[in-house]
Amino acid sequence: MSKVKESGKFTPEQENWLQYIPDHLARNLVVDEPDSKFIPFSRHGGWEKANPIFGGELVPLLETINVAMVTA
């Protein structure tokens, strides 16, 4: 996550969403759109809420996170 956060500036609302991802990754190797139906993402509005917060660019961000996890 530190690599992702270093790659760009995020709004406070985006930072909140980014905090949910490590919890998910502790139990799963990757994170993608279908995972938004599960806790903790679903508690905060899921994909329908998160993707607009990231300007509709959540897919590329998740891909970056997934690649970083696999290559770490």
N, C-alpha and C. Protein backbone atom coordinates (compact mmCIF):
# COMPACT_ATOMS: atom_id res chain seq x y z
N MET A 1 0.82 -1.19 0.00
CA MET A 1 0.00 0.00 0.00
C MET A 1 0.86 1.25 0.00
N SER A 2 2.03 1.17 0.60
CA SER A 2 2.88 2.36 0.62
C SER A 2 3.32 2.74 -0.78
N LYS A 3 3.58 1.75 -1.66
CA LYS A 3 3.94 2.04 -3.04
C LYS A 3 2.80 2.75 -3.76
N VAL A 4 1.60 2.31 -3.52
CA VAL A 4 0.43 2.92 -4.15
C VAL A 4 0.25 4.34 -3.66
N LYS A 5 0.36 4.53 -2.37
CA LYS A 5 0.17 5.87 -1.81
C LYS A 5 1.26 6.83 -2.26
N GLU A 6 2.48 6.32 -2.49
CA GLU A 6 3.57 7.16 -2.99
C GLU A 6 3.37 7.55 -4.45
N SER A 7 2.58 6.78 -5.18
CA SER A 7 2.42 7.00 -6.61
C SER A 7 1.49 8.16 -6.95
N GLY A 8 0.77 8.68 -5.98
CA GLY A 8 -0.13 9.78 -6.28
C GLY A 8 -0.68 10.40 -5.03
N LYS A 9 -1.39 11.48 -5.23
CA LYS A 9 -2.04 12.15 -4.11
C LYS A 9 -3.49 11.70 -4.06
N PHE A 10 -3.96 11.46 -2.86
CA PHE A 10 -5.32 10.99 -2.66
C PHE A 10 -6.06 11.95 -1.74
N THR A 11 -7.35 12.10 -2.01
CA THR A 11 -8.19 12.93 -1.15
C THR A 11 -8.40 12.21 0.18
N PRO A 12 -8.84 12.92 1.20
CA PRO A 12 -9.12 12.24 2.48
C PRO A 12 -10.14 11.11 2.32
N GLU A 13 -11.16 11.31 1.48
CA GLU A 13 -12.15 10.26 1.27
C GLU A 13 -11.53 9.04 0.59
N GLN A 14 -10.62 9.27 -0.36
CA GLN A 14 -9.92 8.16 -1.01
C GLN A 14 -9.01 7.44 -0.01
N GLU A 15 -8.35 8.20 0.83
CA GLU A 15 -7.49 7.61 1.87
C GLU A 15 -8.30 6.68 2.77
N ASN A 16 -9.51 7.08 3.12
CA ASN A 16 -10.37 6.22 3.94
C ASN A 16 -10.60 4.90 3.25
N TRP A 17 -10.93 4.92 1.96
CA TRP A 17 -11.16 3.68 1.23
C TRP A 17 -9.89 2.84 1.13
N LEU A 18 -8.77 3.49 0.94
CA LEU A 18 -7.51 2.74 0.85
C LEU A 18 -7.18 2.02 2.15
N GLN A 19 -7.69 2.51 3.26
CA GLN A 19 -7.44 1.85 4.55
C GLN A 19 -8.18 0.52 4.66
N TYR A 20 -9.25 0.34 3.90
CA TYR A 20 -10.00 -0.92 3.96
C TYR A 20 -9.28 -2.06 3.24
N ILE A 21 -8.44 -1.72 2.29
CA ILE A 21 -7.82 -2.73 1.43
C ILE A 21 -6.85 -3.63 2.17
N PRO A 22 -5.94 -3.13 3.02
CA PRO A 22 -5.02 -4.04 3.72
C PRO A 22 -5.73 -5.12 4.53
N ASP A 23 -6.85 -4.78 5.15
CA ASP A 23 -7.61 -5.79 5.90
C ASP A 23 -8.06 -6.91 4.99
N HIS A 24 -8.52 -6.55 3.81
CA HIS A 24 -8.95 -7.56 2.84
C HIS A 24 -7.76 -8.38 2.37
N LEU A 25 -6.65 -7.71 2.08
CA LEU A 25 -5.47 -8.41 1.57
C LEU A 25 -4.83 -9.33 2.61
N ALA A 26 -5.11 -9.11 3.87
CA ALA A 26 -4.59 -10.00 4.91
C ALA A 26 -5.18 -11.39 4.78
N ARG A 27 -6.37 -11.49 4.16
CA ARG A 27 -7.04 -12.78 4.01
C ARG A 27 -7.13 -13.25 2.56
N ASN A 28 -6.77 -12.38 1.61
CA ASN A 28 -6.89 -12.69 0.19
C ASN A 28 -5.65 -12.19 -0.53
N LEU A 29 -5.29 -12.86 -1.61
CA LEU A 29 -4.09 -12.47 -2.35
C LEU A 29 -4.29 -11.19 -3.15
N VAL A 30 -5.50 -10.99 -3.67
CA VAL A 30 -5.79 -9.82 -4.50
C VAL A 30 -7.11 -9.19 -4.08
N VAL A 31 -7.37 -8.01 -4.64
CA VAL A 31 -8.63 -7.32 -4.41
C VAL A 31 -9.14 -6.87 -5.77
N ASP A 32 -10.43 -7.11 -6.04
CA ASP A 32 -11.02 -6.67 -7.30
C ASP A 32 -12.50 -6.33 -7.10
N GLU A 33 -13.16 -5.96 -8.19
CA GLU A 33 -14.52 -5.45 -8.10
C GLU A 33 -15.49 -6.37 -7.35
N PRO A 34 -15.52 -7.67 -7.61
CA PRO A 34 -16.47 -8.53 -6.87
C PRO A 34 -16.27 -8.50 -5.35
N ASP A 35 -15.06 -8.20 -4.90
CA ASP A 35 -14.80 -8.14 -3.46
C ASP A 35 -15.53 -6.98 -2.79
N SER A 36 -15.98 -6.02 -3.58
CA SER A 36 -16.67 -4.86 -3.00
C SER A 36 -18.01 -5.24 -2.37
N LYS A 37 -18.46 -6.46 -2.62
CA LYS A 37 -19.72 -6.94 -2.03
C LYS A 37 -19.53 -7.45 -0.61
N PHE A 38 -18.28 -7.54 -0.19
CA PHE A 38 -17.96 -8.10 1.11
C PHE A 38 -17.48 -7.01 2.08
N ILE A 39 -17.54 -7.34 3.36
CA ILE A 39 -17.04 -6.47 4.42
C ILE A 39 -15.53 -6.37 4.26
N PRO A 40 -14.89 -5.24 4.41
CA PRO A 40 -15.41 -3.99 4.92
C PRO A 40 -16.01 -3.07 3.85
N PHE A 41 -15.80 -3.41 2.57
CA PHE A 41 -16.23 -2.51 1.49
C PHE A 41 -17.74 -2.32 1.47
N SER A 42 -18.48 -3.40 1.66
CA SER A 42 -19.95 -3.32 1.59
C SER A 42 -20.52 -2.41 2.68
N ARG A 43 -19.86 -2.32 3.80
CA ARG A 43 -20.33 -1.46 4.89
C ARG A 43 -20.26 0.02 4.53
N HIS A 44 -19.48 0.33 3.51
CA HIS A 44 -19.25 1.72 3.15
C HIS A 44 -19.81 2.07 1.77
N GLY A 45 -20.65 1.21 1.24
CA GLY A 45 -21.30 1.51 -0.04
C GLY A 45 -20.81 0.70 -1.21
N GLY A 46 -19.80 -0.12 -1.01
CA GLY A 46 -19.32 -1.01 -2.06
C GLY A 46 -18.80 -0.27 -3.28
N TRP A 47 -18.81 -0.99 -4.40
CA TRP A 47 -18.27 -0.49 -5.66
C TRP A 47 -18.98 0.79 -6.11
N GLU A 48 -20.28 0.83 -5.94
CA GLU A 48 -21.07 1.97 -6.39
C GLU A 48 -20.64 3.26 -5.70
N LYS A 49 -20.15 3.16 -4.50
CA LYS A 49 -19.68 4.34 -3.76
C LYS A 49 -18.19 4.59 -4.04
N ALA A 50 -17.39 3.54 -4.03
CA ALA A 50 -15.93 3.70 -4.14
C ALA A 50 -15.47 4.15 -5.52
N ASN A 51 -15.99 3.54 -6.56
CA ASN A 51 -15.49 3.87 -7.90
C ASN A 51 -15.64 5.36 -8.23
N PRO A 52 -16.79 5.98 -7.98
CA PRO A 52 -16.89 7.42 -8.24
C PRO A 52 -15.93 8.26 -7.39
N ILE A 53 -15.65 7.82 -6.18
CA ILE A 53 -14.71 8.54 -5.32
C ILE A 53 -13.34 8.60 -5.96
N PHE A 54 -13.01 7.54 -6.70
CA PHE A 54 -11.72 7.48 -7.40
C PHE A 54 -11.85 7.91 -8.86
N GLY A 55 -12.85 8.70 -9.15
CA GLY A 55 -13.01 9.25 -10.49
C GLY A 55 -13.24 8.21 -11.55
N GLY A 56 -13.86 7.08 -11.18
CA GLY A 56 -14.12 6.02 -12.13
C GLY A 56 -12.87 5.22 -12.50
N GLU A 57 -11.79 5.45 -11.77
CA GLU A 57 -10.51 4.80 -12.07
C GLU A 57 -10.10 3.79 -11.01
N LEU A 58 -11.07 3.17 -10.38
CA LEU A 58 -10.74 2.21 -9.33
C LEU A 58 -10.13 0.93 -9.90
N VAL A 59 -10.56 0.50 -11.08
CA VAL A 59 -10.01 -0.73 -11.67
C VAL A 59 -8.49 -0.62 -11.85
N PRO A 60 -7.97 0.45 -12.49
CA PRO A 60 -6.51 0.54 -12.63
C PRO A 60 -5.78 0.63 -11.29
N LEU A 61 -6.39 1.29 -10.32
CA LEU A 61 -5.77 1.37 -9.01
C LEU A 61 -5.68 -0.01 -8.36
N LEU A 62 -6.75 -0.77 -8.45
CA LEU A 62 -6.73 -2.13 -7.88
C LEU A 62 -5.73 -3.01 -8.61
N GLU A 63 -5.60 -2.83 -9.91
CA GLU A 63 -4.60 -3.59 -10.67
C GLU A 63 -3.20 -3.27 -10.17
N THR A 64 -2.94 -2.00 -9.91
CA THR A 64 -1.64 -1.58 -9.38
C THR A 64 -1.38 -2.22 -8.02
N ILE A 65 -2.39 -2.22 -7.17
CA ILE A 65 -2.26 -2.84 -5.85
C ILE A 65 -2.01 -4.33 -5.98
N ASN A 66 -2.73 -5.00 -6.85
CA ASN A 66 -2.59 -6.45 -7.03
C ASN A 66 -1.20 -6.80 -7.55
N VAL A 67 -0.69 -6.03 -8.51
CA VAL A 67 0.65 -6.29 -9.03
C VAL A 67 1.68 -6.08 -7.93
N ALA A 68 1.51 -5.04 -7.15
CA ALA A 68 2.44 -4.78 -6.05
C ALA A 68 2.44 -5.93 -5.03
N MET A 69 1.28 -6.50 -4.78
CA MET A 69 1.19 -7.62 -3.84
C MET A 69 1.89 -8.87 -4.36
N VAL A 70 1.75 -9.12 -5.64
CA VAL A 70 2.32 -10.33 -6.23
C VAL A 70 3.84 -10.20 -6.38
N THR A 71 4.31 -8.99 -6.65
CA THR A 71 5.73 -8.81 -6.87
C THR A 71 6.49 -8.41 -5.60
N ALA A 72 5.78 -8.28 -4.49
CA ALA A 72 6.45 -7.86 -3.24
C ALA A 72 7.29 -8.97 -2.67
